[in-house]
Amino acid sequence: MALLYEHPSLSNDERSAAEKVLKGYPAPHQIRAWMDEDVELVPGECAKCIEEAGNFLRDLDRKGRCPDELKRFLLFALRHYPLPGQAIHWSDRRRFRSVAEWLLPEDFYDC
């Protein structure tokens, strides 16, 4: 998200939306700790930010005015986000699946 925030094709409104999401977005070490612990619940504000980040990325993709490099980034990034409406539930009830299924680093299984 941070690299996307700096992309020159973003409008000021999109940059403001990205900044809002980034303020509460969990740090990579925090996400890795959740995966290591296979947590059942994540803090509510973090789940909300993950949900909002996914929505933001999907909105950018739907607008269809992104340069090819940004389209590729969005497709790549969205593979690591839950479907709309899923992340918000990670803070209020047990899930059937693990957080790790969505938030693993791209190269996790390459080892």
N, C-alpha and C. Protein backbone atom coordinates (compact mmCIF):
# COMPACT_ATOMS: atom_id res chain seq x y z
N MET A 1 0.82 -1.20 0.00
CA MET A 1 0.00 0.00 0.00
C MET A 1 0.86 1.26 0.00
N ALA A 2 1.96 1.23 0.72
CA ALA A 2 2.78 2.43 0.80
C ALA A 2 3.35 2.81 -0.56
N LEU A 3 3.79 1.83 -1.33
CA LEU A 3 4.31 2.12 -2.67
C LEU A 3 3.20 2.63 -3.58
N LEU A 4 2.04 2.07 -3.43
CA LEU A 4 0.91 2.51 -4.24
C LEU A 4 0.56 3.95 -3.93
N TYR A 5 0.66 4.32 -2.68
CA TYR A 5 0.36 5.69 -2.25
C TYR A 5 1.18 6.71 -3.03
N GLU A 6 2.39 6.35 -3.38
CA GLU A 6 3.29 7.28 -4.07
C GLU A 6 3.15 7.23 -5.59
N HIS A 7 2.30 6.34 -6.12
CA HIS A 7 2.21 6.18 -7.57
C HIS A 7 1.66 7.46 -8.21
N PRO A 8 2.31 7.96 -9.29
CA PRO A 8 1.91 9.23 -9.90
C PRO A 8 0.51 9.23 -10.54
N SER A 9 -0.05 8.06 -10.83
CA SER A 9 -1.36 8.04 -11.48
C SER A 9 -2.52 8.22 -10.51
N LEU A 10 -2.26 8.21 -9.21
CA LEU A 10 -3.32 8.41 -8.23
C LEU A 10 -3.75 9.86 -8.16
N SER A 11 -5.05 10.06 -8.07
CA SER A 11 -5.57 11.42 -7.89
C SER A 11 -5.36 11.83 -6.44
N ASN A 12 -5.57 13.08 -6.15
CA ASN A 12 -5.45 13.56 -4.76
C ASN A 12 -6.46 12.87 -3.86
N ASP A 13 -7.68 12.65 -4.36
CA ASP A 13 -8.70 11.95 -3.56
C ASP A 13 -8.28 10.51 -3.27
N GLU A 14 -7.74 9.85 -4.28
CA GLU A 14 -7.28 8.47 -4.09
C GLU A 14 -6.10 8.42 -3.12
N ARG A 15 -5.22 9.37 -3.23
CA ARG A 15 -4.08 9.44 -2.32
C ARG A 15 -4.56 9.67 -0.88
N SER A 16 -5.56 10.51 -0.70
CA SER A 16 -6.12 10.76 0.63
C SER A 16 -6.77 9.50 1.19
N ALA A 17 -7.48 8.76 0.33
CA ALA A 17 -8.10 7.51 0.77
C ALA A 17 -7.03 6.49 1.17
N ALA A 18 -5.97 6.41 0.39
CA ALA A 18 -4.88 5.48 0.71
C ALA A 18 -4.21 5.87 2.03
N GLU A 19 -4.01 7.15 2.22
CA GLU A 19 -3.39 7.63 3.46
C GLU A 19 -4.23 7.27 4.68
N LYS A 20 -5.54 7.40 4.55
CA LYS A 20 -6.44 7.05 5.65
C LYS A 20 -6.32 5.57 6.01
N VAL A 21 -6.27 4.72 4.99
CA VAL A 21 -6.14 3.29 5.23
C VAL A 21 -4.79 2.96 5.86
N LEU A 22 -3.74 3.59 5.36
CA LEU A 22 -2.39 3.29 5.84
C LEU A 22 -2.18 3.67 7.30
N LYS A 23 -2.91 4.66 7.79
CA LYS A 23 -2.72 5.10 9.18
C LYS A 23 -2.97 3.98 10.18
N GLY A 24 -3.95 3.15 9.92
CA GLY A 24 -4.26 2.08 10.86
C GLY A 24 -3.88 0.70 10.39
N TYR A 25 -3.26 0.60 9.22
CA TYR A 25 -2.93 -0.70 8.64
C TYR A 25 -1.87 -1.39 9.49
N PRO A 26 -2.04 -2.67 9.76
CA PRO A 26 -1.06 -3.38 10.60
C PRO A 26 0.30 -3.47 9.93
N ALA A 27 1.35 -3.42 10.74
CA ALA A 27 2.72 -3.52 10.25
C ALA A 27 2.99 -4.96 9.79
N PRO A 28 3.89 -5.13 8.82
CA PRO A 28 4.19 -6.49 8.33
C PRO A 28 4.58 -7.47 9.44
N HIS A 29 5.35 -7.03 10.43
CA HIS A 29 5.73 -7.95 11.51
C HIS A 29 4.51 -8.39 12.33
N GLN A 30 3.53 -7.52 12.44
CA GLN A 30 2.31 -7.87 13.17
C GLN A 30 1.51 -8.93 12.39
N ILE A 31 1.42 -8.76 11.09
CA ILE A 31 0.70 -9.72 10.26
C ILE A 31 1.40 -11.08 10.30
N ARG A 32 2.73 -11.06 10.23
CA ARG A 32 3.48 -12.33 10.29
C ARG A 32 3.27 -13.02 11.63
N ALA A 33 3.19 -12.25 12.70
CA ALA A 33 2.93 -12.84 14.02
C ALA A 33 1.56 -13.51 14.05
N TRP A 34 0.57 -12.89 13.44
CA TRP A 34 -0.77 -13.51 13.38
C TRP A 34 -0.70 -14.84 12.64
N MET A 35 0.07 -14.88 11.54
CA MET A 35 0.20 -16.12 10.78
C MET A 35 0.92 -17.18 11.59
N ASP A 36 2.01 -16.79 12.26
CA ASP A 36 2.77 -17.74 13.07
C ASP A 36 1.90 -18.34 14.17
N GLU A 37 1.05 -17.52 14.74
CA GLU A 37 0.19 -17.96 15.84
C GLU A 37 -1.13 -18.54 15.33
N ASP A 38 -1.39 -18.44 14.03
CA ASP A 38 -2.65 -18.86 13.42
C ASP A 38 -3.83 -18.36 14.26
N VAL A 39 -3.85 -17.06 14.46
CA VAL A 39 -4.83 -16.44 15.33
C VAL A 39 -6.25 -16.68 14.87
N GLU A 40 -7.15 -16.70 15.82
CA GLU A 40 -8.58 -16.85 15.53
C GLU A 40 -9.25 -15.50 15.34
N LEU A 41 -8.72 -14.48 16.01
CA LEU A 41 -9.28 -13.13 15.91
C LEU A 41 -8.15 -12.12 15.76
N VAL A 42 -8.42 -11.05 15.03
CA VAL A 42 -7.45 -9.96 14.92
C VAL A 42 -8.09 -8.70 15.52
N PRO A 43 -7.28 -7.74 15.97
CA PRO A 43 -7.85 -6.52 16.53
C PRO A 43 -8.82 -5.86 15.53
N GLY A 44 -9.92 -5.36 16.05
CA GLY A 44 -10.98 -4.79 15.23
C GLY A 44 -10.53 -3.70 14.28
N GLU A 45 -9.69 -2.79 14.74
CA GLU A 45 -9.23 -1.70 13.88
C GLU A 45 -8.36 -2.24 12.75
N CYS A 46 -7.57 -3.26 13.04
CA CYS A 46 -6.73 -3.86 12.00
C CYS A 46 -7.59 -4.57 10.96
N ALA A 47 -8.58 -5.32 11.41
CA ALA A 47 -9.48 -6.00 10.46
C ALA A 47 -10.20 -4.98 9.58
N LYS A 48 -10.61 -3.87 10.18
CA LYS A 48 -11.29 -2.82 9.42
C LYS A 48 -10.35 -2.22 8.37
N CYS A 49 -9.10 -1.98 8.73
CA CYS A 49 -8.13 -1.42 7.78
C CYS A 49 -7.82 -2.39 6.65
N ILE A 50 -7.71 -3.68 6.95
CA ILE A 50 -7.47 -4.68 5.91
C ILE A 50 -8.67 -4.70 4.96
N GLU A 51 -9.86 -4.65 5.50
CA GLU A 51 -11.08 -4.60 4.68
C GLU A 51 -11.08 -3.35 3.79
N GLU A 52 -10.79 -2.22 4.39
CA GLU A 52 -10.78 -0.96 3.63
C GLU A 52 -9.68 -0.95 2.56
N ALA A 53 -8.53 -1.53 2.87
CA ALA A 53 -7.45 -1.59 1.89
C ALA A 53 -7.86 -2.44 0.69
N GLY A 54 -8.47 -3.58 0.96
CA GLY A 54 -8.96 -4.42 -0.14
C GLY A 54 -9.99 -3.70 -0.99
N ASN A 55 -10.90 -2.99 -0.33
CA ASN A 55 -11.92 -2.23 -1.06
C ASN A 55 -11.28 -1.13 -1.91
N PHE A 56 -10.29 -0.48 -1.35
CA PHE A 56 -9.58 0.58 -2.07
C PHE A 56 -8.91 0.01 -3.33
N LEU A 57 -8.21 -1.11 -3.18
CA LEU A 57 -7.54 -1.72 -4.33
C LEU A 57 -8.54 -2.18 -5.39
N ARG A 58 -9.64 -2.78 -4.95
CA ARG A 58 -10.68 -3.21 -5.90
C ARG A 58 -11.30 -2.01 -6.62
N ASP A 59 -11.51 -0.92 -5.90
CA ASP A 59 -12.06 0.29 -6.53
C ASP A 59 -11.11 0.83 -7.60
N LEU A 60 -9.82 0.87 -7.30
CA LEU A 60 -8.85 1.33 -8.29
C LEU A 60 -8.88 0.43 -9.53
N ASP A 61 -8.96 -0.87 -9.30
CA ASP A 61 -8.98 -1.82 -10.40
C ASP A 61 -10.23 -1.64 -11.26
N ARG A 62 -11.37 -1.42 -10.63
CA ARG A 62 -12.64 -1.25 -11.35
C ARG A 62 -12.67 0.02 -12.19
N LYS A 63 -11.98 1.04 -11.76
CA LYS A 63 -11.99 2.31 -12.50
C LYS A 63 -11.37 2.16 -13.88
N GLY A 64 -10.47 1.23 -14.03
CA GLY A 64 -9.90 0.90 -15.33
C GLY A 64 -9.04 1.97 -15.98
N ARG A 65 -8.61 2.95 -15.24
CA ARG A 65 -7.79 4.01 -15.83
C ARG A 65 -6.33 3.91 -15.39
N CYS A 66 -5.97 2.80 -14.80
CA CYS A 66 -4.61 2.62 -14.29
C CYS A 66 -3.67 2.20 -15.42
N PRO A 67 -2.43 2.66 -15.35
CA PRO A 67 -1.43 2.18 -16.30
C PRO A 67 -1.21 0.66 -16.12
N ASP A 68 -0.66 0.02 -17.13
CA ASP A 68 -0.48 -1.44 -17.09
C ASP A 68 0.31 -1.90 -15.87
N GLU A 69 1.37 -1.20 -15.50
CA GLU A 69 2.17 -1.61 -14.34
C GLU A 69 1.34 -1.59 -13.06
N LEU A 70 0.44 -0.62 -12.94
CA LEU A 70 -0.41 -0.54 -11.76
C LEU A 70 -1.49 -1.62 -11.79
N LYS A 71 -2.00 -1.93 -12.96
CA LYS A 71 -2.98 -3.03 -13.08
C LYS A 71 -2.35 -4.34 -12.62
N ARG A 72 -1.10 -4.59 -13.05
CA ARG A 72 -0.41 -5.82 -12.62
C ARG A 72 -0.21 -5.82 -11.10
N PHE A 73 0.17 -4.68 -10.55
CA PHE A 73 0.34 -4.59 -9.10
C PHE A 73 -0.97 -4.89 -8.38
N LEU A 74 -2.07 -4.34 -8.88
CA LEU A 74 -3.37 -4.56 -8.24
C LEU A 74 -3.76 -6.03 -8.28
N LEU A 75 -3.58 -6.68 -9.42
CA LEU A 75 -3.90 -8.11 -9.51
C LEU A 75 -3.05 -8.92 -8.55
N PHE A 76 -1.78 -8.58 -8.47
CA PHE A 76 -0.87 -9.26 -7.56
C PHE A 76 -1.29 -9.03 -6.10
N ALA A 77 -1.53 -7.79 -5.75
CA ALA A 77 -1.86 -7.44 -4.37
C ALA A 77 -3.19 -8.03 -3.93
N LEU A 78 -4.17 -8.02 -4.81
CA LEU A 78 -5.51 -8.50 -4.43
C LEU A 78 -5.54 -10.00 -4.15
N ARG A 79 -4.55 -10.73 -4.63
CA ARG A 79 -4.49 -12.16 -4.30
C ARG A 79 -4.28 -12.37 -2.81
N HIS A 80 -3.79 -11.33 -2.13
CA HIS A 80 -3.48 -11.45 -0.71
C HIS A 80 -4.52 -10.78 0.18
N TYR A 81 -5.64 -10.45 -0.39
CA TYR A 81 -6.72 -9.83 0.39
C TYR A 81 -7.91 -10.75 0.42
N PRO A 82 -8.61 -10.76 1.54
CA PRO A 82 -9.84 -11.56 1.62
C PRO A 82 -10.90 -10.97 0.69
N LEU A 83 -11.90 -11.75 0.42
CA LEU A 83 -13.02 -11.28 -0.39
C LEU A 83 -13.75 -10.16 0.35
N PRO A 84 -14.47 -9.32 -0.37
CA PRO A 84 -15.20 -8.23 0.31
C PRO A 84 -16.10 -8.77 1.43
N GLY A 85 -15.99 -8.11 2.57
CA GLY A 85 -16.82 -8.47 3.72
C GLY A 85 -16.24 -9.51 4.65
N GLN A 86 -15.16 -10.17 4.26
CA GLN A 86 -14.60 -11.23 5.11
C GLN A 86 -13.72 -10.70 6.24
N ALA A 87 -12.83 -9.79 5.93
CA ALA A 87 -11.86 -9.34 6.95
C ALA A 87 -12.54 -8.70 8.15
N ILE A 88 -13.59 -8.01 7.92
CA ILE A 88 -14.27 -7.31 9.01
C ILE A 88 -14.76 -8.29 10.08
N HIS A 89 -15.01 -9.53 9.69
CA HIS A 89 -15.49 -10.55 10.64
C HIS A 89 -14.36 -11.19 11.42
N TRP A 90 -13.13 -10.94 11.02
CA TRP A 90 -12.01 -11.55 11.72
C TRP A 90 -11.89 -11.05 13.15
N SER A 91 -12.54 -9.97 13.47
CA SER A 91 -12.41 -9.42 14.82
C SER A 91 -13.60 -9.77 15.72
N ASP A 92 -14.64 -10.36 15.17
CA ASP A 92 -15.82 -10.57 16.01
C ASP A 92 -16.34 -12.00 16.07
N ARG A 93 -15.73 -12.92 15.32
CA ARG A 93 -16.16 -14.31 15.44
C ARG A 93 -15.08 -15.22 14.89
N ARG A 94 -15.16 -16.48 15.30
CA ARG A 94 -14.20 -17.45 14.82
C ARG A 94 -14.42 -17.69 13.33
N ARG A 95 -13.32 -17.90 12.64
CA ARG A 95 -13.39 -18.15 11.21
C ARG A 95 -13.16 -19.62 10.90
N PHE A 96 -13.66 -20.04 9.78
CA PHE A 96 -13.41 -21.40 9.31
C PHE A 96 -11.98 -21.52 8.80
N ARG A 97 -11.51 -20.50 8.14
CA ARG A 97 -10.16 -20.53 7.54
C ARG A 97 -9.20 -19.68 8.36
N SER A 98 -7.94 -19.89 8.07
CA SER A 98 -6.89 -19.17 8.77
C SER A 98 -6.58 -17.83 8.10
N VAL A 99 -6.20 -16.86 8.90
CA VAL A 99 -5.74 -15.58 8.38
C VAL A 99 -4.57 -15.80 7.43
N ALA A 100 -3.75 -16.79 7.72
CA ALA A 100 -2.56 -17.04 6.92
C ALA A 100 -2.88 -17.32 5.45
N GLU A 101 -4.03 -17.89 5.16
CA GLU A 101 -4.38 -18.19 3.77
C GLU A 101 -4.44 -16.94 2.92
N TRP A 102 -4.78 -15.83 3.51
CA TRP A 102 -4.90 -14.59 2.74
C TRP A 102 -3.67 -13.71 2.85
N LEU A 103 -2.98 -13.74 3.95
CA LEU A 103 -1.95 -12.75 4.23
C LEU A 103 -0.52 -13.26 4.10
N LEU A 104 -0.34 -14.48 3.65
CA LEU A 104 1.02 -15.00 3.50
C LEU A 104 1.80 -14.21 2.46
N PRO A 105 3.10 -14.03 2.68
CA PRO A 105 3.93 -13.39 1.65
C PRO A 105 3.91 -14.23 0.38
N GLU A 106 4.07 -13.61 -0.75
CA GLU A 106 3.99 -14.28 -2.05
C GLU A 106 4.93 -15.47 -2.15
N ASP A 107 6.14 -15.37 -1.58
CA ASP A 107 7.13 -16.42 -1.72
C ASP A 107 7.13 -17.43 -0.57
N PHE A 108 6.10 -17.46 0.25
CA PHE A 108 6.07 -18.31 1.44
C PHE A 108 6.31 -19.78 1.12
N TYR A 109 5.66 -20.28 0.07
CA TYR A 109 5.76 -21.70 -0.25
C TYR A 109 6.95 -22.03 -1.16
N ASP A 110 7.76 -21.05 -1.51
CA ASP A 110 8.91 -21.27 -2.38
C ASP A 110 10.11 -21.88 -1.65
N CYS A 111 10.03 -21.95 -0.34
CA CYS A 111 11.18 -22.44 0.46
C CYS A 111 11.37 -23.93 0.29
